[in-house]
Amino acid sequence: MPIKETSLTGKSELRRAELPEGFEEKVKEVGMVVRDWVPQPEILAHKSTGGFMSHCGWNSCIESITMGVPIAAWPMHSDQPRNTMFVTQVLKMGIAVMDWERRTEPVQASAIENAVRRLMASEEGDAIRKWVEELAATLRQATEPGGASRLELDSFVAHITR
């Protein structure tokens, strides 16, 4: 994973995050390591993507909802805690990795494992996945020609261009 830094000259440089020795070899049959920026919507749209661990920035939430992928939410700052509440408590399409109130404490590996297992290998996760697929289908229908959102947008555009 590249980490962008600004050098003393003001130019951006990319440095590589270190992975444990042998990690890439170990996962090559079941996954991959991508060291550049990735096309997140394409990854979320892939049929093998069963969940998305996200800081819950708004764009990531919208992309995940649109693609029907549940979220393991791990907010860091800004709008992310509120978006996490929206995703996990209102839309019920995700699971929080940690409680925001405990944000100053280190997140234990067991908390991450628990969230991933709940999302990917439990009845709760199965129900969330089914629900978010229904939510995505409804959203897509609303944005297609003749759908409620599309009609409202078309009406707005017609109004401001008359």
N, C-alpha and C. Protein backbone atom coordinates (compact mmCIF):
# COMPACT_ATOMS: atom_id res chain seq x y z
N MET A 1 0.85 -1.17 0.00
CA MET A 1 0.00 0.00 0.00
C MET A 1 0.90 1.23 0.00
N PRO A 2 0.76 2.09 -0.98
CA PRO A 2 1.60 3.27 -1.00
C PRO A 2 1.16 4.28 0.04
N ILE A 3 2.12 4.95 0.59
CA ILE A 3 1.85 6.01 1.54
C ILE A 3 2.43 7.28 0.94
N LYS A 4 1.60 8.29 0.78
CA LYS A 4 2.03 9.53 0.14
C LYS A 4 2.67 10.42 1.20
N GLU A 5 3.84 10.92 0.88
CA GLU A 5 4.53 11.83 1.77
C GLU A 5 4.95 13.06 0.97
N THR A 6 5.17 14.15 1.66
CA THR A 6 5.71 15.33 1.02
C THR A 6 7.13 15.50 1.54
N SER A 7 8.09 15.56 0.64
CA SER A 7 9.49 15.71 1.03
C SER A 7 9.78 17.17 1.36
N LEU A 8 10.99 17.43 1.80
CA LEU A 8 11.40 18.80 2.12
C LEU A 8 11.36 19.70 0.89
N THR A 9 11.47 19.11 -0.28
CA THR A 9 11.44 19.90 -1.51
C THR A 9 10.01 20.24 -1.92
N GLY A 10 9.03 19.69 -1.21
CA GLY A 10 7.64 19.95 -1.53
C GLY A 10 7.05 18.99 -2.54
N LYS A 11 7.86 18.06 -3.03
CA LYS A 11 7.36 17.09 -4.01
C LYS A 11 6.81 15.87 -3.28
N SER A 12 5.76 15.32 -3.82
CA SER A 12 5.18 14.12 -3.23
C SER A 12 6.01 12.90 -3.63
N GLU A 13 6.17 12.02 -2.70
CA GLU A 13 6.88 10.78 -2.96
C GLU A 13 6.02 9.64 -2.46
N LEU A 14 6.18 8.49 -3.07
CA LEU A 14 5.47 7.31 -2.60
C LEU A 14 6.47 6.37 -1.97
N ARG A 15 6.13 5.87 -0.80
CA ARG A 15 6.97 4.84 -0.20
C ARG A 15 6.08 3.64 0.06
N ARG A 16 6.65 2.51 0.10
CA ARG A 16 5.90 1.27 0.26
C ARG A 16 5.77 0.92 1.73
N ALA A 17 4.54 0.58 2.13
CA ALA A 17 4.32 0.08 3.48
C ALA A 17 4.94 -1.31 3.56
N GLU A 18 5.55 -1.59 4.66
CA GLU A 18 6.19 -2.88 4.84
C GLU A 18 5.17 -3.94 5.23
N LEU A 19 5.27 -5.08 4.61
CA LEU A 19 4.46 -6.24 4.96
C LEU A 19 5.39 -7.28 5.55
N PRO A 20 4.87 -8.15 6.39
CA PRO A 20 5.73 -9.21 6.94
C PRO A 20 6.37 -10.01 5.81
N GLU A 21 7.60 -10.43 6.03
CA GLU A 21 8.32 -11.21 5.03
C GLU A 21 7.52 -12.46 4.68
N GLY A 22 7.35 -12.70 3.39
CA GLY A 22 6.64 -13.88 2.91
C GLY A 22 5.14 -13.71 2.81
N PHE A 23 4.60 -12.56 3.22
CA PHE A 23 3.15 -12.35 3.23
C PHE A 23 2.55 -12.47 1.82
N GLU A 24 3.15 -11.78 0.87
CA GLU A 24 2.59 -11.80 -0.49
C GLU A 24 2.59 -13.21 -1.06
N GLU A 25 3.65 -13.95 -0.82
CA GLU A 25 3.73 -15.34 -1.29
C GLU A 25 2.64 -16.18 -0.63
N LYS A 26 2.42 -15.95 0.66
CA LYS A 26 1.45 -16.73 1.43
C LYS A 26 0.02 -16.53 0.91
N VAL A 27 -0.32 -15.31 0.50
CA VAL A 27 -1.70 -15.01 0.11
C VAL A 27 -1.95 -15.09 -1.39
N LYS A 28 -0.92 -15.36 -2.19
CA LYS A 28 -1.09 -15.26 -3.64
C LYS A 28 -2.13 -16.22 -4.22
N GLU A 29 -2.41 -17.33 -3.56
CA GLU A 29 -3.41 -18.27 -4.07
C GLU A 29 -4.83 -17.91 -3.66
N VAL A 30 -4.98 -17.07 -2.66
CA VAL A 30 -6.32 -16.73 -2.16
C VAL A 30 -6.64 -15.24 -2.23
N GLY A 31 -5.68 -14.44 -2.58
CA GLY A 31 -5.90 -13.01 -2.62
C GLY A 31 -4.78 -12.33 -3.38
N MET A 32 -4.68 -11.04 -3.18
CA MET A 32 -3.62 -10.30 -3.86
C MET A 32 -3.27 -9.07 -3.03
N VAL A 33 -2.09 -8.57 -3.28
CA VAL A 33 -1.65 -7.32 -2.68
C VAL A 33 -1.52 -6.33 -3.82
N VAL A 34 -2.24 -5.23 -3.73
CA VAL A 34 -2.17 -4.18 -4.74
C VAL A 34 -1.44 -3.02 -4.10
N ARG A 35 -0.38 -2.58 -4.73
CA ARG A 35 0.47 -1.55 -4.13
C ARG A 35 0.22 -0.15 -4.68
N ASP A 36 -0.76 0.01 -5.50
CA ASP A 36 -1.11 1.33 -6.02
C ASP A 36 -2.56 1.63 -5.66
N TRP A 37 -3.00 2.84 -5.98
CA TRP A 37 -4.40 3.16 -5.76
C TRP A 37 -5.24 2.19 -6.56
N VAL A 38 -6.37 1.81 -6.00
CA VAL A 38 -7.21 0.80 -6.65
C VAL A 38 -8.55 1.42 -7.06
N PRO A 39 -9.19 0.85 -8.07
CA PRO A 39 -10.52 1.33 -8.48
C PRO A 39 -11.58 0.75 -7.53
N GLN A 40 -11.81 1.44 -6.43
CA GLN A 40 -12.70 0.94 -5.39
C GLN A 40 -14.08 0.52 -5.90
N PRO A 41 -14.76 1.31 -6.74
CA PRO A 41 -16.08 0.85 -7.22
C PRO A 41 -16.02 -0.47 -7.97
N GLU A 42 -14.95 -0.68 -8.74
CA GLU A 42 -14.82 -1.94 -9.47
C GLU A 42 -14.62 -3.11 -8.51
N ILE A 43 -13.84 -2.90 -7.47
CA ILE A 43 -13.62 -3.96 -6.49
C ILE A 43 -14.92 -4.27 -5.76
N LEU A 44 -15.64 -3.23 -5.34
CA LEU A 44 -16.92 -3.44 -4.65
C LEU A 44 -17.94 -4.11 -5.55
N ALA A 45 -17.85 -3.89 -6.86
CA ALA A 45 -18.80 -4.50 -7.79
C ALA A 45 -18.47 -5.96 -8.10
N HIS A 46 -17.28 -6.40 -7.75
CA HIS A 46 -16.88 -7.77 -8.07
C HIS A 46 -17.69 -8.76 -7.24
N LYS A 47 -18.15 -9.82 -7.87
CA LYS A 47 -19.04 -10.77 -7.21
C LYS A 47 -18.40 -11.48 -6.02
N SER A 48 -17.08 -11.51 -5.94
CA SER A 48 -16.44 -12.20 -4.82
C SER A 48 -16.23 -11.29 -3.61
N THR A 49 -16.58 -10.02 -3.72
CA THR A 49 -16.43 -9.10 -2.59
C THR A 49 -17.62 -9.27 -1.66
N GLY A 50 -17.37 -9.89 -0.52
CA GLY A 50 -18.46 -10.18 0.42
C GLY A 50 -18.59 -9.17 1.53
N GLY A 51 -17.61 -8.30 1.69
CA GLY A 51 -17.64 -7.29 2.74
C GLY A 51 -16.56 -6.27 2.48
N PHE A 52 -16.67 -5.14 3.16
CA PHE A 52 -15.77 -4.01 2.92
C PHE A 52 -15.40 -3.41 4.26
N MET A 53 -14.13 -3.50 4.66
CA MET A 53 -13.69 -2.82 5.86
C MET A 53 -13.36 -1.39 5.45
N SER A 54 -14.06 -0.45 6.05
CA SER A 54 -13.97 0.94 5.61
C SER A 54 -13.92 1.88 6.80
N HIS A 55 -13.25 3.03 6.60
CA HIS A 55 -13.28 4.09 7.61
C HIS A 55 -14.61 4.83 7.57
N CYS A 56 -15.41 4.56 6.55
CA CYS A 56 -16.74 5.14 6.38
C CYS A 56 -16.73 6.61 5.99
N GLY A 57 -15.84 6.95 5.08
CA GLY A 57 -15.97 8.23 4.41
C GLY A 57 -17.25 8.17 3.58
N TRP A 58 -17.86 9.30 3.31
CA TRP A 58 -19.17 9.30 2.67
C TRP A 58 -19.14 8.62 1.30
N ASN A 59 -18.14 8.93 0.47
CA ASN A 59 -18.09 8.31 -0.86
C ASN A 59 -17.98 6.80 -0.77
N SER A 60 -17.17 6.31 0.15
CA SER A 60 -17.03 4.86 0.32
C SER A 60 -18.35 4.23 0.75
N CYS A 61 -19.07 4.91 1.63
CA CYS A 61 -20.38 4.40 2.07
C CYS A 61 -21.34 4.32 0.89
N ILE A 62 -21.41 5.38 0.09
CA ILE A 62 -22.31 5.41 -1.06
C ILE A 62 -21.93 4.32 -2.06
N GLU A 63 -20.63 4.17 -2.33
CA GLU A 63 -20.20 3.13 -3.28
C GLU A 63 -20.56 1.74 -2.76
N SER A 64 -20.37 1.51 -1.47
CA SER A 64 -20.67 0.21 -0.89
C SER A 64 -22.17 -0.09 -0.93
N ILE A 65 -22.98 0.90 -0.58
CA ILE A 65 -24.44 0.73 -0.63
C ILE A 65 -24.87 0.43 -2.07
N THR A 66 -24.36 1.22 -3.01
CA THR A 66 -24.73 1.06 -4.41
C THR A 66 -24.38 -0.33 -4.95
N MET A 67 -23.26 -0.86 -4.50
CA MET A 67 -22.81 -2.17 -4.98
C MET A 67 -23.35 -3.32 -4.15
N GLY A 68 -24.08 -3.01 -3.08
CA GLY A 68 -24.68 -4.06 -2.26
C GLY A 68 -23.69 -4.81 -1.40
N VAL A 69 -22.67 -4.11 -0.91
CA VAL A 69 -21.63 -4.74 -0.10
C VAL A 69 -21.71 -4.22 1.33
N PRO A 70 -21.86 -5.12 2.31
CA PRO A 70 -21.92 -4.68 3.71
C PRO A 70 -20.56 -4.17 4.19
N ILE A 71 -20.60 -3.36 5.24
CA ILE A 71 -19.40 -2.68 5.72
C ILE A 71 -19.02 -3.13 7.12
N ALA A 72 -17.72 -3.39 7.32
CA ALA A 72 -17.13 -3.48 8.65
C ALA A 72 -16.56 -2.09 8.90
N ALA A 73 -17.24 -1.31 9.72
CA ALA A 73 -16.96 0.11 9.87
C ALA A 73 -15.90 0.38 10.93
N TRP A 74 -14.87 1.14 10.53
CA TRP A 74 -13.77 1.48 11.43
C TRP A 74 -13.46 2.97 11.26
N PRO A 75 -14.26 3.84 11.85
CA PRO A 75 -14.09 5.28 11.65
C PRO A 75 -12.81 5.80 12.31
N MET A 76 -12.26 6.86 11.72
CA MET A 76 -11.06 7.48 12.25
C MET A 76 -11.29 8.94 12.68
N HIS A 77 -12.02 9.72 11.88
CA HIS A 77 -12.18 11.15 12.18
C HIS A 77 -13.27 11.75 11.28
N SER A 78 -13.45 13.05 11.42
CA SER A 78 -14.33 13.86 10.58
C SER A 78 -15.76 13.32 10.57
N ASP A 79 -16.31 13.09 9.37
CA ASP A 79 -17.69 12.61 9.25
C ASP A 79 -17.81 11.11 9.46
N GLN A 80 -16.70 10.42 9.58
CA GLN A 80 -16.71 8.96 9.63
C GLN A 80 -17.49 8.38 10.81
N PRO A 81 -17.39 8.92 12.03
CA PRO A 81 -18.19 8.36 13.13
C PRO A 81 -19.70 8.47 12.88
N ARG A 82 -20.16 9.60 12.36
CA ARG A 82 -21.60 9.76 12.06
C ARG A 82 -22.01 8.84 10.92
N ASN A 83 -21.17 8.72 9.91
CA ASN A 83 -21.48 7.81 8.81
C ASN A 83 -21.54 6.37 9.31
N THR A 84 -20.66 6.03 10.24
CA THR A 84 -20.68 4.69 10.83
C THR A 84 -22.00 4.43 11.54
N MET A 85 -22.47 5.41 12.31
CA MET A 85 -23.76 5.26 12.98
C MET A 85 -24.87 5.07 11.95
N PHE A 86 -24.83 5.85 10.88
CA PHE A 86 -25.85 5.75 9.84
C PHE A 86 -25.83 4.36 9.20
N VAL A 87 -24.64 3.87 8.87
CA VAL A 87 -24.50 2.57 8.20
C VAL A 87 -24.89 1.42 9.13
N THR A 88 -24.48 1.49 10.40
CA THR A 88 -24.70 0.36 11.31
C THR A 88 -26.04 0.41 12.05
N GLN A 89 -26.49 1.61 12.43
CA GLN A 89 -27.69 1.71 13.26
C GLN A 89 -28.95 2.09 12.49
N VAL A 90 -28.80 2.91 11.46
CA VAL A 90 -29.97 3.34 10.69
C VAL A 90 -30.22 2.40 9.51
N LEU A 91 -29.24 2.28 8.64
CA LEU A 91 -29.40 1.39 7.48
C LEU A 91 -29.23 -0.08 7.83
N LYS A 92 -28.55 -0.35 8.92
CA LYS A 92 -28.31 -1.73 9.38
C LYS A 92 -27.66 -2.58 8.29
N MET A 93 -26.65 -1.97 7.64
CA MET A 93 -25.95 -2.68 6.57
C MET A 93 -24.46 -2.85 6.89
N GLY A 94 -24.15 -2.80 8.18
CA GLY A 94 -22.76 -2.97 8.56
C GLY A 94 -22.61 -3.27 10.03
N ILE A 95 -21.37 -3.52 10.40
CA ILE A 95 -21.00 -3.84 11.78
C ILE A 95 -19.83 -2.94 12.16
N ALA A 96 -19.89 -2.35 13.34
CA ALA A 96 -18.79 -1.51 13.81
C ALA A 96 -17.65 -2.38 14.33
N VAL A 97 -16.44 -2.04 13.91
CA VAL A 97 -15.25 -2.76 14.38
C VAL A 97 -14.96 -2.38 15.82
N MET A 98 -15.13 -1.10 16.14
CA MET A 98 -14.87 -0.61 17.49
C MET A 98 -15.85 0.51 17.83
N ASP A 99 -16.02 0.74 19.13
CA ASP A 99 -16.89 1.82 19.58
C ASP A 99 -16.12 3.14 19.48
N TRP A 100 -16.74 4.16 18.92
CA TRP A 100 -16.10 5.46 18.76
C TRP A 100 -15.67 6.03 20.11
N GLU A 101 -16.43 5.77 21.15
CA GLU A 101 -16.10 6.29 22.47
C GLU A 101 -14.75 5.76 22.96
N ARG A 102 -14.29 4.64 22.39
CA ARG A 102 -13.02 4.04 22.81
C ARG A 102 -11.92 4.29 21.78
N ARG A 103 -12.07 5.37 21.00
CA ARG A 103 -11.17 5.64 19.88
C ARG A 103 -9.73 5.89 20.29
N THR A 104 -9.49 6.29 21.54
CA THR A 104 -8.12 6.55 21.96
C THR A 104 -7.39 5.29 22.40
N GLU A 105 -8.12 4.19 22.51
CA GLU A 105 -7.51 2.92 22.91
C GLU A 105 -7.07 2.15 21.67
N PRO A 106 -6.00 1.38 21.79
CA PRO A 106 -5.60 0.54 20.65
C PRO A 106 -6.71 -0.47 20.33
N VAL A 107 -6.93 -0.71 19.06
CA VAL A 107 -7.92 -1.70 18.65
C VAL A 107 -7.24 -3.06 18.66
N GLN A 108 -7.81 -3.97 19.40
CA GLN A 108 -7.24 -5.31 19.52
C GLN A 108 -7.52 -6.12 18.26
N ALA A 109 -6.59 -7.00 17.93
CA ALA A 109 -6.77 -7.89 16.77
C ALA A 109 -8.05 -8.70 16.92
N SER A 110 -8.38 -9.07 18.15
CA SER A 110 -9.59 -9.88 18.38
C SER A 110 -10.85 -9.10 18.02
N ALA A 111 -10.84 -7.77 18.20
CA ALA A 111 -12.00 -6.96 17.83
C ALA A 111 -12.17 -6.94 16.31
N ILE A 112 -11.07 -6.85 15.60
CA ILE A 112 -11.12 -6.87 14.14
C ILE A 112 -11.60 -8.24 13.66
N GLU A 113 -11.02 -9.29 14.23
CA GLU A 113 -11.42 -10.64 13.86
C GLU A 113 -12.90 -10.87 14.13
N ASN A 114 -13.38 -10.42 15.29
CA ASN A 114 -14.78 -10.58 15.65
C ASN A 114 -15.70 -9.89 14.64
N ALA A 115 -15.36 -8.66 14.27
CA ALA A 115 -16.19 -7.92 13.31
C ALA A 115 -16.22 -8.62 11.95
N VAL A 116 -15.06 -9.07 11.50
CA VAL A 116 -14.99 -9.74 10.19
C VAL A 116 -15.77 -11.05 10.24
N ARG A 117 -15.62 -11.82 11.31
CA ARG A 117 -16.36 -13.09 11.42
C ARG A 117 -17.87 -12.84 11.49
N ARG A 118 -18.28 -11.81 12.25
CA ARG A 118 -19.71 -11.50 12.33
C ARG A 118 -20.26 -11.14 10.95
N LEU A 119 -19.48 -10.38 10.20
CA LEU A 119 -19.93 -9.93 8.89
C LEU A 119 -19.89 -11.05 7.85
N MET A 120 -18.87 -11.89 7.91
CA MET A 120 -18.64 -12.84 6.83
C MET A 120 -19.04 -14.28 7.13
N ALA A 121 -19.19 -14.63 8.40
CA ALA A 121 -19.41 -16.05 8.73
C ALA A 121 -20.40 -16.23 9.87
N SER A 122 -21.53 -15.54 9.78
CA SER A 122 -22.55 -15.70 10.82
C SER A 122 -23.93 -15.48 10.21
N GLU A 123 -24.95 -15.90 10.94
CA GLU A 123 -26.32 -15.64 10.48
C GLU A 123 -26.58 -14.14 10.44
N GLU A 124 -26.04 -13.41 11.41
CA GLU A 124 -26.18 -11.96 11.42
C GLU A 124 -25.60 -11.36 10.12
N GLY A 125 -24.41 -11.80 9.74
CA GLY A 125 -23.78 -11.32 8.52
C GLY A 125 -24.57 -11.71 7.28
N ASP A 126 -25.11 -12.93 7.28
CA ASP A 126 -25.93 -13.38 6.14
C ASP A 126 -27.15 -12.47 5.98
N ALA A 127 -27.78 -12.13 7.11
CA ALA A 127 -28.96 -11.25 7.07
C ALA A 127 -28.58 -9.85 6.60
N ILE A 128 -27.45 -9.35 7.07
CA ILE A 128 -26.99 -8.03 6.63
C ILE A 128 -26.72 -8.04 5.14
N ARG A 129 -26.04 -9.07 4.65
CA ARG A 129 -25.72 -9.17 3.23
C ARG A 129 -26.99 -9.21 2.38
N LYS A 130 -27.97 -10.00 2.81
CA LYS A 130 -29.24 -10.09 2.09
C LYS A 130 -29.93 -8.72 2.06
N TRP A 131 -29.95 -8.04 3.20
CA TRP A 131 -30.60 -6.74 3.30
C TRP A 131 -29.91 -5.71 2.41
N VAL A 132 -28.58 -5.65 2.42
CA VAL A 132 -27.89 -4.64 1.64
C VAL A 132 -28.03 -4.91 0.14
N GLU A 133 -28.18 -6.17 -0.25
CA GLU A 133 -28.46 -6.48 -1.66
C GLU A 133 -29.83 -5.93 -2.06
N GLU A 134 -30.82 -6.06 -1.17
CA GLU A 134 -32.15 -5.51 -1.44
C GLU A 134 -32.10 -3.98 -1.50
N LEU A 135 -31.36 -3.39 -0.58
CA LEU A 135 -31.20 -1.94 -0.55
C LEU A 135 -30.56 -1.44 -1.84
N ALA A 136 -29.52 -2.13 -2.30
CA ALA A 136 -28.84 -1.74 -3.54
C ALA A 136 -29.78 -1.86 -4.74
N ALA A 137 -30.58 -2.91 -4.79
CA ALA A 137 -31.53 -3.09 -5.90
C ALA A 137 -32.54 -1.95 -5.92
N THR A 138 -33.03 -1.57 -4.75
CA THR A 138 -33.99 -0.46 -4.65
C THR A 138 -33.33 0.85 -5.10
N LEU A 139 -32.11 1.06 -4.68
CA LEU A 139 -31.38 2.26 -5.07
C LEU A 139 -31.16 2.31 -6.58
N ARG A 140 -30.74 1.21 -7.15
CA ARG A 140 -30.53 1.17 -8.61
C ARG A 140 -31.83 1.44 -9.35
N GLN A 141 -32.93 0.85 -8.87
CA GLN A 141 -34.23 1.05 -9.51
C GLN A 141 -34.63 2.53 -9.45
N ALA A 142 -34.36 3.18 -8.33
CA ALA A 142 -34.73 4.59 -8.18
C ALA A 142 -33.93 5.51 -9.09
N THR A 143 -32.73 5.09 -9.46
CA THR A 143 -31.89 5.96 -10.29
C THR A 143 -31.97 5.65 -11.78
N GLU A 144 -32.69 4.61 -12.15
CA GLU A 144 -32.87 4.29 -13.57
C GLU A 144 -33.93 5.22 -14.17
N PRO A 145 -33.96 5.36 -15.50
CA PRO A 145 -35.01 6.18 -16.11
C PRO A 145 -36.40 5.73 -15.64
N GLY A 146 -37.20 6.70 -15.18
CA GLY A 146 -38.52 6.39 -14.66
C GLY A 146 -38.54 6.15 -13.17
N GLY A 147 -37.36 5.98 -12.55
CA GLY A 147 -37.29 5.77 -11.10
C GLY A 147 -37.48 7.08 -10.35
N ALA A 148 -37.85 6.98 -9.08
CA ALA A 148 -38.18 8.17 -8.28
C ALA A 148 -37.05 9.19 -8.24
N SER A 149 -35.84 8.76 -7.96
CA SER A 149 -34.72 9.71 -7.88
C SER A 149 -34.43 10.32 -9.24
N ARG A 150 -34.50 9.51 -10.27
CA ARG A 150 -34.23 10.00 -11.63
C ARG A 150 -35.29 11.02 -12.04
N LEU A 151 -36.55 10.76 -11.72
CA LEU A 151 -37.62 11.71 -12.06
C LEU A 151 -37.41 13.04 -11.34
N GLU A 152 -37.03 12.98 -10.06
CA GLU A 152 -36.78 14.22 -9.30
C GLU A 152 -35.61 15.00 -9.88
N LEU A 153 -34.54 14.30 -10.23
CA LEU A 153 -33.38 14.97 -10.82
C LEU A 153 -33.76 15.59 -12.17
N ASP A 154 -34.45 14.84 -12.99
CA ASP A 154 -34.88 15.37 -14.29
C ASP A 154 -35.77 16.60 -14.12
N SER A 155 -36.65 16.57 -13.13
CA SER A 155 -37.53 17.70 -12.85
C SER A 155 -36.72 18.92 -12.41
N PHE A 156 -35.73 18.71 -11.57
CA PHE A 156 -34.88 19.79 -11.10
C PHE A 156 -34.10 20.41 -12.27
N VAL A 157 -33.51 19.57 -13.09
CA VAL A 157 -32.75 20.06 -14.24
C VAL A 157 -33.66 20.84 -15.18
N ALA A 158 -34.86 20.33 -15.42
CA ALA A 158 -35.81 21.04 -16.29
C ALA A 158 -36.16 22.40 -15.69
N HIS A 159 -36.32 22.46 -14.38
CA HIS A 159 -36.68 23.71 -13.71
C HIS A 159 -35.56 24.75 -13.83
N ILE A 160 -34.33 24.34 -13.61
CA ILE A 160 -33.24 25.33 -13.61
C ILE A 160 -32.77 25.70 -15.01
N THR A 161 -33.19 24.95 -16.01
CA THR A 161 -32.76 25.26 -17.38
C THR A 161 -33.88 25.88 -18.21
N ARG A 162 -35.02 26.18 -17.60
CA ARG A 162 -36.12 26.75 -18.40
C ARG A 162 -35.93 28.21 -18.66
